[in-house]
PDB file of N, CA and C in Angstrom:
ATOM      1  N   MET A   1       0.779  -1.118   0.064  1.00  0.00           N
ATOM      2  CA  MET A   1       0.116   0.010   0.083  1.00  0.00           C
ATOM      3  C   MET A   1       0.518   1.254   0.146  1.00  0.00           C
ATOM      4  N   HIS A   2       0.330   2.672  -0.663  1.00  0.00           N
ATOM      5  CA  HIS A   2       1.127   3.713  -0.447  1.00  0.00           C
ATOM      6  C   HIS A   2       0.055   4.684   0.710  1.00  0.00           C
ATOM      7  N   TYR A   3       0.762   5.661   1.157  1.00  0.00           N
ATOM      8  CA  TYR A   3      -0.158   6.291   1.614  1.00  0.00           C
ATOM      9  C   TYR A   3       0.223   7.572   1.646  1.00  0.00           C
ATOM     10  N   THR A   4      -0.700   8.884   1.733  1.00  0.00           N
ATOM     11  CA  THR A   4      -0.781  10.016   1.860  1.00  0.00           C
ATOM     12  C   THR A   4      -0.857  10.094   3.419  1.00  0.00           C
ATOM     13  N   TYR A   5      -0.125  11.207   4.151  1.00  0.00           N
ATOM     14  CA  TYR A   5      -0.311  11.801   5.585  1.00  0.00           C
ATOM     15  C   TYR A   5      -0.179  12.765   5.926  1.00  0.00           C
ATOM     16  N   LEU A   6      -0.979  13.483   6.836  1.00  0.00           N
ATOM     17  CA  LEU A   6      -0.841  14.277   7.824  1.00  0.00           C
ATOM     18  C   LEU A   6      -0.256  14.272   9.066  1.00  0.00           C
ATOM     19  N   LEU A   7       0.530  14.868   9.384  1.00  0.00           N
ATOM     20  CA  LEU A   7       1.443  15.143  11.042  1.00  0.00           C
ATOM     21  C   LEU A   7       0.622  16.052  11.410  1.00  0.00           C
ATOM     22  N   GLU A   8       0.599  16.208  12.955  1.00  0.00           N
ATOM     23  CA  GLU A   8       0.612  17.612  13.290  1.00  0.00           C
ATOM     24  C   GLU A   8       1.247  17.963  14.462  1.00  0.00           C
ATOM     25  N   ASN A   9       2.140  19.053  14.437  1.00  0.00           N
ATOM     26  CA  ASN A   9       2.464  19.467  15.559  1.00  0.00           C
ATOM     27  C   ASN A   9       1.886  19.805  16.945  1.00  0.00           C
ATOM     28  N   LYS A  10       2.334  18.579  18.206  1.00  0.00           N
ATOM     29  CA  LYS A  10       1.230  19.226  19.567  1.00  0.00           C
ATOM     30  C   LYS A  10       1.786  20.669  19.800  1.00  0.00           C
ATOM     31  N   TYR A  11       2.876  21.218  19.840  1.00  0.00           N
ATOM     32  CA  TYR A  11       2.822  22.339  20.291  1.00  0.00           C
ATOM     33  C   TYR A  11       2.293  23.727  19.105  1.00  0.00           C
ATOM     34  N   ASP A  12       3.088  23.568  18.187  1.00  0.00           N
ATOM     35  CA  ASP A  12       2.612  24.657  17.636  1.00  0.00           C
ATOM     36  C   ASP A  12       1.352  24.370  16.299  1.00  0.00           C
ATOM     37  N   LYS A  13       0.861  23.290  16.793  1.00  0.00           N
ATOM     38  CA  LYS A  13      -0.123  22.898  15.590  1.00  0.00           C
ATOM     39  C   LYS A  13      -0.023  23.430  14.317  1.00  0.00           C
ATOM     40  N   SER A  14       1.440  22.927  13.924  1.00  0.00           N
ATOM     41  CA  SER A  14       1.815  23.146  12.371  1.00  0.00           C
ATOM     42  C   SER A  14       1.601  21.606  11.595  1.00  0.00           C
ATOM     43  N   TRP A  15       1.413  21.536  10.187  1.00  0.00           N
ATOM     44  CA  TRP A  15       0.803  20.318   9.344  1.00  0.00           C
ATOM     45  C   TRP A  15       2.047  20.271   9.002  1.00  0.00           C
ATOM     46  N   TYR A  16       2.576  18.911   8.289  1.00  0.00           N
ATOM     47  CA  TYR A  16       3.276  18.197   7.637  1.00  0.00           C
ATOM     48  C   TYR A  16       2.830  17.344   6.732  1.00  0.00           C
ATOM     49  N   ILE A  17       2.740  17.593   5.731  1.00  0.00           N
ATOM     50  CA  ILE A  17       1.976  16.473   4.409  1.00  0.00           C
ATOM     51  C   ILE A  17       3.154  15.566   3.877  1.00  0.00           C
ATOM     52  N   GLY A  18       2.683  14.364   3.977  1.00  0.00           N
ATOM     53  CA  GLY A  18       4.174  13.428   2.831  1.00  0.00           C
ATOM     54  C   GLY A  18       3.057  12.477   2.324  1.00  0.00           C
ATOM     55  N   TYR A  19       3.947  11.500   1.673  1.00  0.00           N
ATOM     56  CA  TYR A  19       3.815  10.320   1.106  1.00  0.00           C
ATOM     57  C   TYR A  19       4.683   9.019   1.581  1.00  0.00           C
ATOM     58  N   THR A  20       4.593   8.233   2.077  1.00  0.00           N
ATOM     59  CA  THR A  20       5.038   6.601   2.267  1.00  0.00           C
ATOM     60  C   THR A  20       5.127   5.444   1.508  1.00  0.00           C
ATOM     61  N   GLU A  21       5.472   4.626   2.007  1.00  0.00           N
ATOM     62  CA  GLU A  21       5.238   2.845   1.782  1.00  0.00           C
ATOM     63  C   GLU A  21       4.622   1.996   3.019  1.00  0.00           C
ATOM     64  N   ASN A  22       5.192   2.706   4.300  1.00  0.00           N
ATOM     65  CA  ASN A  22       5.348   2.131   5.107  1.00  0.00           C
ATOM     66  C   ASN A  22       5.033   3.442   6.300  1.00  0.00           C
ATOM     67  N   LEU A  23       4.015   3.484   6.375  1.00  0.00           N
ATOM     68  CA  LEU A  23       3.490   4.476   7.422  1.00  0.00           C
ATOM     69  C   LEU A  23       3.867   4.248   8.666  1.00  0.00           C
ATOM     70  N   ARG A  24       3.743   3.599   9.739  1.00  0.00           N
ATOM     71  CA  ARG A  24       4.215   3.377  10.751  1.00  0.00           C
ATOM     72  C   ARG A  24       5.200   3.414  11.227  1.00  0.00           C
ATOM     73  N   LYS A  25       6.246   3.478  10.102  1.00  0.00           N
ATOM     74  CA  LYS A  25       7.913   3.104  10.235  1.00  0.00           C
ATOM     75  C   LYS A  25       7.764   4.835  10.019  1.00  0.00           C
ATOM     76  N   ARG A  26       7.398   5.462   8.778  1.00  0.00           N
ATOM     77  CA  ARG A  26       7.729   6.930   8.577  1.00  0.00           C
ATOM     78  C   ARG A  26       6.867   7.740  10.085  1.00  0.00           C
ATOM     79  N   VAL A  27       6.057   7.177  10.413  1.00  0.00           N
ATOM     80  CA  VAL A  27       5.753   8.422  11.537  1.00  0.00           C
ATOM     81  C   VAL A  27       6.697   8.251  12.673  1.00  0.00           C
ATOM     82  N   LYS A  28       6.943   7.033  13.140  1.00  0.00           N
ATOM     83  CA  LYS A  28       8.224   6.854  13.968  1.00  0.00           C
ATOM     84  C   LYS A  28       9.181   7.642  13.479  1.00  0.00           C
ATOM     85  N   ASP A  29       9.831   7.568  12.575  1.00  0.00           N
ATOM     86  CA  ASP A  29      10.733   8.573  12.146  1.00  0.00           C
ATOM     87  C   ASP A  29      10.542   9.834  12.392  1.00  0.00           C
ATOM     88  N   HIS A  30       9.388  10.305  11.802  1.00  0.00           N
ATOM     89  CA  HIS A  30       9.161  11.516  12.228  1.00  0.00           C
ATOM     90  C   HIS A  30       9.423  11.972  13.826  1.00  0.00           C
ATOM     91  N   GLN A  31       8.493  11.345  14.452  1.00  0.00           N
ATOM     92  CA  GLN A  31       8.839  11.442  15.383  1.00  0.00           C
ATOM     93  C   GLN A  31      10.018  11.667  16.097  1.00  0.00           C
ATOM     94  N   GLY A  32      10.909  10.521  15.785  1.00  0.00           N
ATOM     95  CA  GLY A  32      11.941  10.470  16.313  1.00  0.00           C
ATOM     96  C   GLY A  32      13.369  11.383  16.045  1.00  0.00           C
ATOM     97  N   GLY A  33      12.828  12.458  15.182  1.00  0.00           N
ATOM     98  CA  GLY A  33      13.587  13.134  14.502  1.00  0.00           C
ATOM     99  C   GLY A  33      14.347  13.304  13.025  1.00  0.00           C
ATOM    100  N   TYR A  34      14.090  12.045  12.504  1.00  0.00           N
ATOM    101  CA  TYR A  34      14.776  11.249  11.460  1.00  0.00           C
ATOM    102  C   TYR A  34      13.614  11.677  10.386  1.00  0.00           C
ATOM    103  N   GLY A  35      12.577  12.174  10.058  1.00  0.00           N
ATOM    104  CA  GLY A  35      11.727  12.046   9.227  1.00  0.00           C
ATOM    105  C   GLY A  35      11.746  12.874   8.220  1.00  0.00           C
ATOM    106  N   CYS A  36      12.606  14.309   8.353  1.00  0.00           N
ATOM    107  CA  CYS A  36      12.690  14.982   7.306  1.00  0.00           C
ATOM    108  C   CYS A  36      13.346  16.703   7.784  1.00  0.00           C
ATOM    109  N   ARG A  37      13.821  17.235   7.036  1.00  0.00           N
ATOM    110  CA  ARG A  37      14.492  18.352   7.693  1.00  0.00           C
ATOM    111  C   ARG A  37      13.228  19.272   8.542  1.00  0.00           C
ATOM    112  N   THR A  38      12.118  19.562   7.860  1.00  0.00           N
ATOM    113  CA  THR A  38      11.470  20.046   8.295  1.00  0.00           C
ATOM    114  C   THR A  38      10.430  19.424   9.606  1.00  0.00           C
ATOM    115  N   THR A  39      10.800  18.337   9.714  1.00  0.00           N
ATOM    116  CA  THR A  39       9.807  17.685  11.247  1.00  0.00           C
ATOM    117  C   THR A  39      11.246  17.430  11.740  1.00  0.00           C
ATOM    118  N   ALA A  40      12.379  17.553  11.977  1.00  0.00           N
ATOM    119  CA  ALA A  40      13.359  16.910  12.828  1.00  0.00           C
ATOM    120  C   ALA A  40      13.775  18.478  13.804  1.00  0.00           C
ATOM    121  N   MET A  41      13.599  19.474  12.655  1.00  0.00           N
ATOM    122  CA  MET A  41      13.444  20.440  13.684  1.00  0.00           C
ATOM    123  C   MET A  41      12.611  20.939  14.873  1.00  0.00           C
ATOM    124  N   LYS A  42      11.955  19.954  15.003  1.00  0.00           N
ATOM    125  CA  LYS A  42      10.718  20.385  16.282  1.00  0.00           C
ATOM    126  C   LYS A  42      10.293  18.616  16.605  1.00  0.00           C
ATOM    127  N   SER A  43       9.533  18.625  18.055  1.00  0.00           N
ATOM    128  CA  SER A  43       9.184  17.717  18.290  1.00  0.00           C
ATOM    129  C   SER A  43       8.002  17.594  18.649  1.00  0.00           C
ATOM    130  N   GLY A  44       7.002  16.281  18.900  1.00  0.00           N
ATOM    131  CA  GLY A  44       6.022  16.435  19.246  1.00  0.00           C
ATOM    132  C   GLY A  44       5.369  16.234  17.940  1.00  0.00           C
ATOM    133  N   TRP A  45       5.282  15.696  17.293  1.00  0.00           N
ATOM    134  CA  TRP A  45       4.977  15.208  15.931  1.00  0.00           C
ATOM    135  C   TRP A  45       3.606  14.134  16.035  1.00  0.00           C
ATOM    136  N   GLN A  46       2.297  14.149  15.755  1.00  0.00           N
ATOM    137  CA  GLN A  46       1.820  12.732  15.625  1.00  0.00           C
ATOM    138  C   GLN A  46       0.101  12.737  14.627  1.00  0.00           C
ATOM    139  N   LEU A  47       0.394  11.866  14.354  1.00  0.00           N
ATOM    140  CA  LEU A  47      -0.394  11.437  12.608  1.00  0.00           C
ATOM    141  C   LEU A  47      -2.290  11.832  13.471  1.00  0.00           C
ATOM    142  N   ILE A  48      -2.393  12.546  12.458  1.00  0.00           N
ATOM    143  CA  ILE A  48      -4.144  12.968  12.328  1.00  0.00           C
ATOM    144  C   ILE A  48      -4.814  12.397  11.544  1.00  0.00           C
ATOM    145  N   TYR A  49      -4.299  12.458   9.968  1.00  0.00           N
ATOM    146  CA  TYR A  49      -5.202  12.053   8.974  1.00  0.00           C
ATOM    147  C   TYR A  49      -4.192  11.107   7.955  1.00  0.00           C
ATOM    148  N   TYR A  50      -4.565  10.447   7.421  1.00  0.00           N
ATOM    149  CA  TYR A  50      -3.537   9.538   6.356  1.00  0.00           C
ATOM    150  C   TYR A  50      -5.229   8.507   5.280  1.00  0.00           C
ATOM    151  N   GLU A  51      -4.635   8.774   4.281  1.00  0.00           N
ATOM    152  CA  GLU A  51      -5.024   8.013   3.214  1.00  0.00           C
ATOM    153  C   GLU A  51      -4.691   6.687   2.525  1.00  0.00           C
ATOM    154  N   ALA A  52      -5.086   5.564   1.891  1.00  0.00           N
ATOM    155  CA  ALA A  52      -4.345   4.491   1.230  1.00  0.00           C
ATOM    156  C   ALA A  52      -4.512   4.222  -0.292  1.00  0.00           C
ATOM    157  N   TYR A  53      -3.582   4.179  -0.622  1.00  0.00           N
ATOM    158  CA  TYR A  53      -3.774   4.155  -2.215  1.00  0.00           C
ATOM    159  C   TYR A  53      -2.959   2.493  -2.445  1.00  0.00           C
ATOM    160  N   ILE A  54      -3.755   2.004  -3.551  1.00  0.00           N
ATOM    161  CA  ILE A  54      -3.310   0.772  -4.204  1.00  0.00           C
ATOM    162  C   ILE A  54      -1.797   1.336  -4.960  1.00  0.00           C
ATOM    163  N   ASN A  55      -1.896   1.819  -5.816  1.00  0.00           N
ATOM    164  CA  ASN A  55      -1.030   2.774  -6.851  1.00  0.00           C
ATOM    165  C   ASN A  55      -0.110   3.780  -6.246  1.00  0.00           C
ATOM    166  N   LYS A  56       0.812   3.602  -6.383  1.00  0.00           N
ATOM    167  CA  LYS A  56       1.882   4.616  -5.925  1.00  0.00           C
ATOM    168  C   LYS A  56       1.666   6.199  -6.503  1.00  0.00           C
ATOM    169  N   LEU A  57       1.646   6.621  -7.663  1.00  0.00           N
ATOM    170  CA  LEU A  57       1.230   7.654  -8.399  1.00  0.00           C
ATOM    171  C   LEU A  57       0.121   8.048  -8.144  1.00  0.00           C
ATOM    172  N   ASP A  58      -0.745   7.416  -7.675  1.00  0.00           N
ATOM    173  CA  ASP A  58      -2.818   8.097  -7.141  1.00  0.00           C
ATOM    174  C   ASP A  58      -2.103   8.739  -5.205  1.00  0.00           C
ATOM    175  N   ALA A  59      -1.072   8.168  -4.671  1.00  0.00           N
ATOM    176  CA  ALA A  59      -0.486   8.223  -3.354  1.00  0.00           C
ATOM    177  C   ALA A  59       0.354   9.973  -3.978  1.00  0.00           C
ATOM    178  N   VAL A  60       0.861  10.123  -4.260  1.00  0.00           N
ATOM    179  CA  VAL A  60       1.905  11.081  -4.511  1.00  0.00           C
ATOM    180  C   VAL A  60       0.910  11.888  -5.423  1.00  0.00           C
ATOM    181  N   GLY A  61       0.402  11.819  -6.496  1.00  0.00           N
ATOM    182  CA  GLY A  61      -0.481  12.498  -6.712  1.00  0.00           C
ATOM    183  C   GLY A  61      -1.699  13.603  -5.502  1.00  0.00           C
ATOM    184  N   ARG A  62      -2.185  12.467  -4.542  1.00  0.00           N
ATOM    185  CA  ARG A  62      -2.775  13.321  -3.624  1.00  0.00           C
ATOM    186  C   ARG A  62      -2.031  14.350  -2.760  1.00  0.00           C
ATOM    187  N   GLU A  63      -0.998  13.440  -2.331  1.00  0.00           N
ATOM    188  CA  GLU A  63       0.614  14.574  -1.281  1.00  0.00           C
ATOM    189  C   GLU A  63       0.259  15.730  -2.484  1.00  0.00           C
ATOM    190  N   LYS A  64       0.203  16.058  -3.305  1.00  0.00           N
ATOM    191  CA  LYS A  64       0.800  17.429  -4.324  1.00  0.00           C
ATOM    192  C   LYS A  64      -0.263  18.322  -3.634  1.00  0.00           C
ATOM    193  N   PHE A  65      -1.682  17.380  -4.406  1.00  0.00           N
ATOM    194  CA  PHE A  65      -2.887  18.307  -4.107  1.00  0.00           C
ATOM    195  C   PHE A  65      -3.189  18.909  -2.742  1.00  0.00           C
ATOM    196  N   LEU A  66      -2.764  17.888  -1.585  1.00  0.00           N
ATOM    197  CA  LEU A  66      -3.239  18.171  -0.312  1.00  0.00           C
ATOM    198  C   LEU A  66      -2.211  19.304   0.245  1.00  0.00           C
ATOM    199  N   LYS A  67      -0.779  19.457  -0.550  1.00  0.00           N
ATOM    200  CA  LYS A  67      -0.080  20.609  -0.143  1.00  0.00           C
ATOM    201  C   LYS A  67      -0.556  21.720  -0.469  1.00  0.00           C
ATOM    202  N   GLY A  68      -1.271  22.139  -1.381  1.00  0.00           N
ATOM    203  CA  GLY A  68      -1.791  23.038  -2.116  1.00  0.00           C
ATOM    204  C   GLY A  68      -3.212  23.898  -1.459  1.00  0.00           C
ATOM    205  N   GLY A  69      -3.436  24.648  -1.976  1.00  0.00           N
ATOM    206  CA  GLY A  69      -4.274  25.836  -1.227  1.00  0.00           C
ATOM    207  C   GLY A  69      -5.738  24.779  -1.119  1.00  0.00           C
ATOM    208  N   ALA A  70      -6.341  24.473  -2.220  1.00  0.00           N
ATOM    209  CA  ALA A  70      -7.579  23.552  -2.553  1.00  0.00           C
ATOM    210  C   ALA A  70      -7.407  22.202  -1.357  1.00  0.00           C
ATOM    211  N   GLY A  71      -6.458  21.853  -1.388  1.00  0.00           N
ATOM    212  CA  GLY A  71      -6.020  20.612  -0.241  1.00  0.00           C
ATOM    213  C   GLY A  71      -6.457  20.532   1.132  1.00  0.00           C
ATOM    214  N   ARG A  72      -5.785  21.985   1.619  1.00  0.00           N
ATOM    215  CA  ARG A  72      -5.658  22.562   2.438  1.00  0.00           C
ATOM    216  C   ARG A  72      -7.097  22.652   3.029  1.00  0.00           C
ATOM    217  N   VAL A  73      -7.958  23.345   1.784  1.00  0.00           N
ATOM    218  CA  VAL A  73      -9.523  23.375   2.580  1.00  0.00           C
ATOM    219  C   VAL A  73     -10.243  22.415   2.482  1.00  0.00           C
ATOM    220  N   TYR A  74      -9.662  21.368   1.812  1.00  0.00           N
ATOM    221  CA  TYR A  74     -10.246  19.643   1.715  1.00  0.00           C
ATOM    222  C   TYR A  74     -10.184  19.759   3.187  1.00  0.00           C
ATOM    223  N   LEU A  75      -8.622  19.258   3.883  1.00  0.00           N
ATOM    224  CA  LEU A  75      -8.184  18.729   4.770  1.00  0.00           C
ATOM    225  C   LEU A  75      -8.838  19.455   6.168  1.00  0.00           C
ATOM    226  N   LYS A  76      -9.287  20.545   5.888  1.00  0.00           N
ATOM    227  CA  LYS A  76      -9.879  21.656   7.386  1.00  0.00           C
ATOM    228  C   LYS A  76     -11.361  21.086   7.368  1.00  0.00           C
ATOM    229  N   LYS A  77     -12.128  20.654   5.872  1.00  0.00           N
ATOM    230  CA  LYS A  77     -13.450  20.441   5.614  1.00  0.00           C
ATOM    231  C   LYS A  77     -13.482  18.689   6.773  1.00  0.00           C
ATOM    232  N   GLN A  78     -12.908  18.100   5.860  1.00  0.00           N
ATOM    233  CA  GLN A  78     -12.706  16.589   6.528  1.00  0.00           C
ATOM    234  C   GLN A  78     -12.243  16.850   8.086  1.00  0.00           C
ATOM    235  N   LEU A  79     -11.412  17.236   8.703  1.00  0.00           N
ATOM    236  CA  LEU A  79     -10.877  17.523   9.906  1.00  0.00           C
ATOM    237  C   LEU A  79     -11.831  18.386  11.119  1.00  0.00           C
ATOM    238  N   LYS A  80     -12.987  18.896  10.219  1.00  0.00           N
ATOM    239  CA  LYS A  80     -13.825  19.764  10.868  1.00  0.00           C
ATOM    240  C   LYS A  80     -13.664  19.561  12.589  1.00  0.00           C
ATOM    241  N   ASN A  81     -14.625  18.599  12.958  1.00  0.00           N
ATOM    242  CA  ASN A  81     -14.999  17.738  14.312  1.00  0.00           C
ATOM    243  C   ASN A  81     -13.037  17.938  14.800  1.00  0.00           C
ATOM    244  N   TYR A  82     -12.201  17.455  14.778  1.00  0.00           N
ATOM    245  CA  TYR A  82     -10.780  17.310  14.984  1.00  0.00           C
ATOM    246  C   TYR A  82     -10.360  18.899  15.334  1.00  0.00           C
ATOM    247  N   LEU A  83     -10.550  19.707  14.410  1.00  0.00           N
ATOM    248  CA  LEU A  83      -9.819  21.023  14.418  1.00  0.00           C
ATOM    249  C   LEU A  83     -10.971  21.829  15.406  1.00  0.00           C
ATOM    250  N   SER A  84     -12.050  21.318  15.511  1.00  0.00           N
ATOM    251  CA  SER A  84     -13.079  22.178  16.525  1.00  0.00           C
ATOM    252  C   SER A  84     -12.602  21.922  18.002  1.00  0.00           C
ATOM    253  N   ASN A  85     -12.213  20.746  17.900  1.00  0.00           N
ATOM    254  CA  ASN A  85     -12.199  20.433  19.494  1.00  0.00           C
ATOM    255  C   ASN A  85     -10.655  21.083  20.143  1.00  0.00           C
ATOM    256  N   ASN A  86      -9.638  21.543  19.018  1.00  0.00           N
ATOM    257  CA  ASN A  86      -8.316  21.763  19.167  1.00  0.00           C
ATOM    258  C   ASN A  86      -8.290  22.985  18.606  1.00  0.00           C
ATOM    259  N   LYS A  87      -8.633  23.927  19.730  1.00  0.00           N
ATOM    260  CA  LYS A  87      -9.328  25.268  19.013  1.00  0.00           C
ATOM    261  C   LYS A  87      -8.235  26.442  19.075  1.00  0.00           C
ATOM    262  N   ASP A  88      -6.452  25.711  19.710  1.00  0.00           N
ATOM    263  CA  ASP A  88      -5.423  26.615  19.300  1.00  0.00           C
ATOM    264  C   ASP A  88      -5.373  26.475  17.709  1.00  0.00           C
ATOM    265  N   LEU A  89      -6.004  26.151  17.049  1.00  0.00           N
ATOM    266  CA  LEU A  89      -5.087  26.158  15.544  1.00  0.00           C
ATOM    267  C   LEU A  89      -5.025  27.611  14.632  1.00  0.00           C
TER     268      LEU A  89
END
């Protein structure tokens, strides 16, 4: 499987959107400071959303979409209940 995922930093509520073939390992990498430069600079990352795809190109395309303006709007709509319970956003 191929995954597009969204991490949220529990301290400043910033988001990181990525793609992986091994979601559990990738999230652990991010949490341990080994994910990428962006997430290594902060601690406190948690997985709040993901989508699974059979085809790699579908997952990569979805990652690109979610990183854009319309994708961010989509995520905020999908996570409406989560975001309303975390008003510090």
